[in-house]
Amino acid sequence: MKRSIRSALSTGFKALALAALTLAPFAATEAHAGATLWNETNIQYLWGGQFKNFDGTKDTQSTITVEHANAWKYGDTFLFFDVTNTEKDNTGIYGELSPRLSIGKITGHDLSAPFVKDVLVAGTLEMGQGFRNYLYGVGFSLNLPKFNFADLNVYVRNDPKQSGSTYQVTPCWQLPFSVGKADMLFEGFSDIAGGEGNLVFNIDAQPRLLLDLGKFWDAPKSIYFGTEFMYWHNKFGVSGVNEYAPQAMVKIVM
């Protein structure tokens, strides 16, 4: 009985998460029609020199990232794509689409609780060269003092190239603060994933510390400069491959 209940819940969440992925283009259309609550698009350039290869050597890496996020009537959407090493032969392209549907807004029930603003069905599509991974689960929009946003998504993770399935927990956040006359942002995310098939438990964390340069040019919140630190324990799920890579970062908000 417990197994059948778990199976039914898993199937339900998967169906709703896939619905969220399907509805993402319509959410964007509705946003353009004026129903969006907020949206932001930015372009980033990152460069660092401590990226670890599987043979133990280290290499430089440049990344151009485009991010977009919006909130609409029944949920929110986040997407990004990275283009790495455009100046080299090993150029890579990777992206994610992560829409969420608000259970509270759809049903008309207030699902808020201490430190929780809303509960959502969450889905993510990971897209790279030669692979696609699907994640589905539940998301929490958190109510934390002083944060612009703080979210926590808990997923079931299915990699078609691996046997079975596993979990992934993804917190993301943005916290503004000031140091004297300088406005700063502390933002980022972390993917914490269990072992699956030949892959082992791994953590991919990418926190950022950014200075609002635009403020000094009478254009606040338009251009940021700072650093993103990449910490990847068991990189790509490969045991013993750990990466610590600080990067210089420029972020331009459109």
Protein backbone atom coordinates (compact mmCIF):
# COMPACT_ATOMS: atom_id res chain seq x y z
CA MET A 1 0.00 0.00 0.00
CA LYS A 2 2.78 2.49 0.95
CA ARG A 3 4.63 1.69 -2.27
CA SER A 4 1.48 2.28 -4.35
CA ILE A 5 0.86 5.61 -2.57
CA ARG A 6 4.46 6.69 -3.21
CA SER A 7 4.13 5.62 -6.84
CA ALA A 8 0.90 7.57 -7.25
CA LEU A 9 2.39 10.69 -5.65
CA SER A 10 5.52 10.39 -7.78
CA THR A 11 3.43 9.99 -10.94
CA GLY A 12 1.28 12.96 -9.96
CA PHE A 13 4.20 15.26 -9.27
CA LYS A 14 5.92 14.13 -12.48
CA ALA A 15 2.79 14.86 -14.52
CA LEU A 16 2.37 18.29 -12.93
CA ALA A 17 6.05 19.11 -13.38
CA LEU A 18 5.88 18.12 -17.03
CA ALA A 19 2.79 20.31 -17.27
CA ALA A 20 4.84 23.16 -15.85
CA LEU A 21 7.48 22.59 -18.52
CA THR A 22 4.77 22.48 -21.18
CA LEU A 23 3.14 25.68 -19.92
CA ALA A 24 6.41 27.62 -19.74
CA PRO A 25 6.05 29.07 -23.29
CA PHE A 26 2.50 30.15 -22.49
CA ALA A 27 3.74 31.80 -19.30
CA ALA A 28 6.21 33.79 -21.37
CA THR A 29 3.41 34.75 -23.78
CA GLU A 30 1.19 35.91 -20.92
CA ALA A 31 4.11 37.85 -19.47
CA HIS A 32 4.51 39.72 -22.75
CA ALA A 33 0.78 40.40 -22.72
CA GLY A 34 1.14 42.33 -19.47
CA ALA A 35 0.25 39.71 -16.85
CA THR A 36 3.80 39.38 -15.56
CA LEU A 37 4.46 40.45 -11.99
CA TRP A 38 8.17 40.99 -12.63
CA ASN A 39 10.89 39.84 -14.98
CA GLU A 40 14.64 40.23 -15.38
CA THR A 41 17.15 39.28 -18.06
CA ASN A 42 20.90 39.57 -17.65
CA ILE A 43 24.08 38.66 -19.50
CA GLN A 44 27.21 37.53 -17.68
CA TYR A 45 30.85 37.00 -18.56
CA LEU A 46 32.98 34.83 -16.28
CA TRP A 47 36.64 33.80 -16.41
CA GLY A 48 38.66 31.57 -14.13
CA GLY A 49 41.84 29.54 -14.21
CA GLN A 50 41.38 26.70 -11.73
CA PHE A 51 38.98 24.36 -13.52
CA LYS A 52 39.91 20.73 -12.97
CA ASN A 53 40.25 18.18 -15.77
CA PHE A 54 39.70 14.49 -15.14
CA ASP A 55 43.43 13.82 -15.51
CA GLY A 56 44.09 16.09 -12.53
CA THR A 57 45.40 19.06 -14.53
CA LYS A 58 43.83 22.50 -14.34
CA ASP A 59 42.69 24.76 -17.14
CA THR A 60 41.20 28.19 -17.78
CA GLN A 61 37.55 28.56 -18.69
CA SER A 62 35.49 31.45 -19.99
CA THR A 63 31.69 31.43 -19.86
CA ILE A 64 29.03 33.63 -21.41
CA THR A 65 25.70 33.17 -19.60
CA VAL A 66 22.24 34.52 -20.40
CA GLU A 67 19.71 34.31 -17.55
CA HIS A 68 16.01 35.13 -17.52
CA ALA A 69 13.51 34.96 -14.66
CA ASN A 70 9.89 36.03 -14.38
CA ALA A 71 6.86 35.63 -12.16
CA TRP A 72 3.38 35.46 -13.65
CA LYS A 73 -0.18 34.86 -12.47
CA TYR A 74 0.20 31.17 -11.60
CA GLY A 75 3.89 30.67 -10.97
CA ASP A 76 7.39 31.60 -12.05
CA THR A 77 9.99 30.60 -14.62
CA PHE A 78 13.79 30.60 -14.62
CA LEU A 79 16.01 29.71 -17.53
CA PHE A 80 19.63 30.11 -18.52
CA PHE A 81 22.16 28.88 -21.01
CA ASP A 82 25.95 28.84 -20.85
CA VAL A 83 28.41 28.96 -23.71
CA THR A 84 31.89 28.00 -22.48
CA ASN A 85 35.31 28.42 -24.06
CA THR A 86 34.20 30.22 -27.22
CA GLU A 87 37.88 30.95 -27.95
CA LYS A 88 38.86 27.26 -27.83
CA ASP A 89 38.13 24.07 -29.73
CA ASN A 90 36.16 22.54 -26.85
CA THR A 91 33.28 25.04 -26.88
CA GLY A 92 30.33 23.78 -24.83
CA ILE A 93 26.66 24.72 -24.62
CA TYR A 94 24.42 23.92 -21.64
CA GLY A 95 21.06 25.22 -20.47
CA GLU A 96 18.23 24.71 -18.02
CA LEU A 97 14.52 25.56 -18.05
CA SER A 98 12.88 25.59 -14.60
CA PRO A 99 9.19 26.56 -14.48
CA ARG A 100 7.08 26.24 -11.33
CA LEU A 101 3.31 26.26 -10.83
CA SER A 102 1.85 27.70 -7.63
CA ILE A 103 -0.43 25.19 -5.93
CA GLY A 104 -1.88 27.94 -3.75
CA LYS A 105 -2.67 30.31 -6.63
CA ILE A 106 -4.17 27.58 -8.78
CA THR A 107 -6.36 26.14 -6.00
CA GLY A 108 -7.12 29.44 -4.29
CA HIS A 109 -5.81 28.18 -0.93
CA ASP A 110 -3.27 29.98 1.23
CA LEU A 111 -0.40 27.53 1.70
CA SER A 112 1.89 29.95 3.51
CA ALA A 113 3.57 28.93 6.75
CA PRO A 114 6.35 30.33 8.94
CA PHE A 115 9.20 31.22 6.56
CA VAL A 116 7.23 29.85 3.56
CA LYS A 117 5.34 32.15 1.17
CA ASP A 118 4.11 29.56 -1.30
CA VAL A 119 4.32 25.89 -2.31
CA LEU A 120 4.77 25.07 -5.97
CA VAL A 121 5.10 22.12 -8.33
CA ALA A 122 8.60 22.35 -9.79
CA GLY A 123 10.17 20.93 -12.92
CA THR A 124 13.55 21.33 -14.59
CA LEU A 125 14.79 20.35 -18.03
CA GLU A 126 18.59 20.12 -18.31
CA MET A 127 19.88 20.35 -21.87
CA GLY A 128 23.44 19.75 -23.04
CA GLN A 129 25.30 18.42 -26.01
CA GLY A 130 23.96 14.91 -26.45
CA PHE A 131 21.76 14.67 -23.34
CA ARG A 132 18.57 15.81 -21.63
CA ASN A 133 17.65 15.21 -18.00
CA TYR A 134 14.22 15.68 -16.43
CA LEU A 135 13.63 16.65 -12.80
CA TYR A 136 10.27 16.93 -11.06
CA GLY A 137 9.16 17.65 -7.53
CA VAL A 138 8.03 20.40 -5.18
CA GLY A 139 9.29 23.94 -4.66
CA PHE A 140 9.08 26.34 -1.74
CA SER A 141 9.18 30.12 -2.07
CA LEU A 142 10.71 31.17 1.23
CA ASN A 143 9.98 34.27 3.28
CA LEU A 144 13.36 35.27 4.68
CA PRO A 145 14.04 38.78 6.01
CA LYS A 146 16.07 41.08 3.71
CA PHE A 147 16.32 38.56 0.85
CA ASN A 148 15.10 39.62 -2.60
CA PHE A 149 14.24 35.96 -3.07
CA ALA A 150 15.02 32.59 -1.54
CA ASP A 151 13.74 29.35 -3.05
CA LEU A 152 14.16 25.68 -2.26
CA ASN A 153 13.31 22.97 -4.80
CA VAL A 154 13.28 19.26 -3.95
CA TYR A 155 13.35 17.01 -7.01
CA VAL A 156 13.25 13.45 -8.18
CA ARG A 157 16.11 13.25 -10.69
CA ASN A 158 16.06 10.93 -13.70
CA ASP A 159 19.15 10.62 -15.90
CA PRO A 160 18.18 8.50 -18.96
CA LYS A 161 21.77 7.25 -19.22
CA GLN A 162 21.78 5.93 -15.64
CA SER A 163 19.76 3.18 -13.98
CA GLY A 164 17.15 4.11 -11.39
CA SER A 165 16.49 7.60 -10.05
CA THR A 166 17.72 9.79 -7.21
CA TYR A 167 17.03 13.07 -5.44
CA GLN A 168 18.25 16.61 -5.94
CA VAL A 169 17.87 19.54 -3.54
CA THR A 170 18.41 22.99 -5.03
CA PRO A 171 18.41 26.16 -2.90
CA CYS A 172 18.87 29.53 -4.62
CA TRP A 173 18.92 33.03 -3.19
CA GLN A 174 19.72 36.73 -3.60
CA LEU A 175 20.59 38.92 -0.62
CA PRO A 176 21.32 42.65 -1.06
CA PHE A 177 23.42 44.50 1.50
CA SER A 178 25.55 47.62 1.79
CA VAL A 179 29.12 48.27 2.86
CA GLY A 180 29.47 52.01 3.35
CA LYS A 181 28.30 53.61 0.10
CA ALA A 182 28.74 50.38 -1.87
CA ASP A 183 25.70 48.24 -2.66
CA MET A 184 26.41 44.52 -2.86
CA LEU A 185 24.64 41.31 -3.85
CA PHE A 186 25.24 37.87 -2.39
CA GLU A 187 23.46 35.41 -4.65
CA GLY A 188 23.80 31.93 -6.10
CA PHE A 189 22.57 28.37 -6.01
CA SER A 190 23.60 24.86 -5.05
CA ASP A 191 22.62 21.50 -6.57
CA ILE A 192 22.89 18.64 -4.07
CA ALA A 193 22.28 15.33 -5.85
CA GLY A 194 22.31 11.71 -4.71
CA GLY A 195 24.07 8.82 -6.39
CA GLU A 196 22.46 7.31 -9.48
CA GLY A 197 23.71 4.40 -11.55
CA ASN A 198 27.45 4.88 -11.99
CA LEU A 199 27.32 8.39 -10.51
CA VAL A 200 27.98 9.21 -6.85
CA PHE A 201 26.64 11.88 -4.50
CA ASN A 202 27.77 15.33 -5.65
CA ILE A 203 27.42 19.00 -4.73
CA ASP A 204 27.66 21.81 -7.29
CA ALA A 205 27.65 25.17 -5.48
CA GLN A 206 28.09 28.53 -7.21
CA PRO A 207 27.82 31.50 -4.80
CA ARG A 208 28.49 35.04 -6.09
CA LEU A 209 29.55 38.27 -4.43
CA LEU A 210 28.90 41.29 -6.64
CA LEU A 211 29.39 45.06 -6.40
CA ASP A 212 26.81 47.38 -7.97
CA LEU A 213 29.11 49.40 -10.25
CA GLY A 214 26.19 51.09 -11.97
CA LYS A 215 25.34 52.97 -8.78
CA PHE A 216 28.54 55.00 -9.13
CA TRP A 217 27.51 55.99 -12.68
CA ASP A 218 23.94 57.01 -11.77
CA ALA A 219 22.66 53.74 -13.23
CA PRO A 220 22.06 51.50 -10.19
CA LYS A 221 21.32 47.80 -10.63
CA SER A 222 22.47 47.81 -14.25
CA ILE A 223 26.03 46.48 -14.12
CA TYR A 224 27.76 44.42 -11.43
CA PHE A 225 31.33 43.25 -10.98
CA GLY A 226 32.65 40.65 -8.59
CA THR A 227 33.37 36.98 -8.28
CA GLU A 228 31.63 33.63 -8.58
CA PHE A 229 33.18 30.73 -6.74
CA MET A 230 32.50 27.27 -8.15
CA TYR A 231 32.77 24.37 -5.73
CA TRP A 232 31.96 20.97 -7.22
CA HIS A 233 32.38 17.94 -4.98
CA ASN A 234 32.56 14.76 -7.10
CA LYS A 235 32.33 16.70 -10.38
CA PHE A 236 29.76 15.23 -12.79
CA GLY A 237 29.15 12.52 -10.18
CA VAL A 238 32.67 11.12 -10.57
CA SER A 239 34.11 10.07 -7.20
CA GLY A 240 37.20 11.99 -6.07
CA VAL A 241 37.10 14.72 -8.71
CA ASN A 242 36.69 17.93 -6.71
CA GLU A 243 36.81 21.41 -8.20
CA TYR A 244 37.48 24.77 -6.52
CA ALA A 245 37.40 27.54 -9.12
CA PRO A 246 37.11 31.27 -8.35
CA GLN A 247 36.06 33.36 -11.33
CA ALA A 248 35.97 37.06 -12.18
CA MET A 249 32.46 38.03 -13.20
CA VAL A 250 30.68 40.91 -14.95
CA LYS A 251 26.87 40.95 -14.93
CA ILE A 252 24.82 43.32 -17.10
CA VAL A 253 21.10 43.62 -16.38
CA MET A 254 18.99 44.29 -19.47
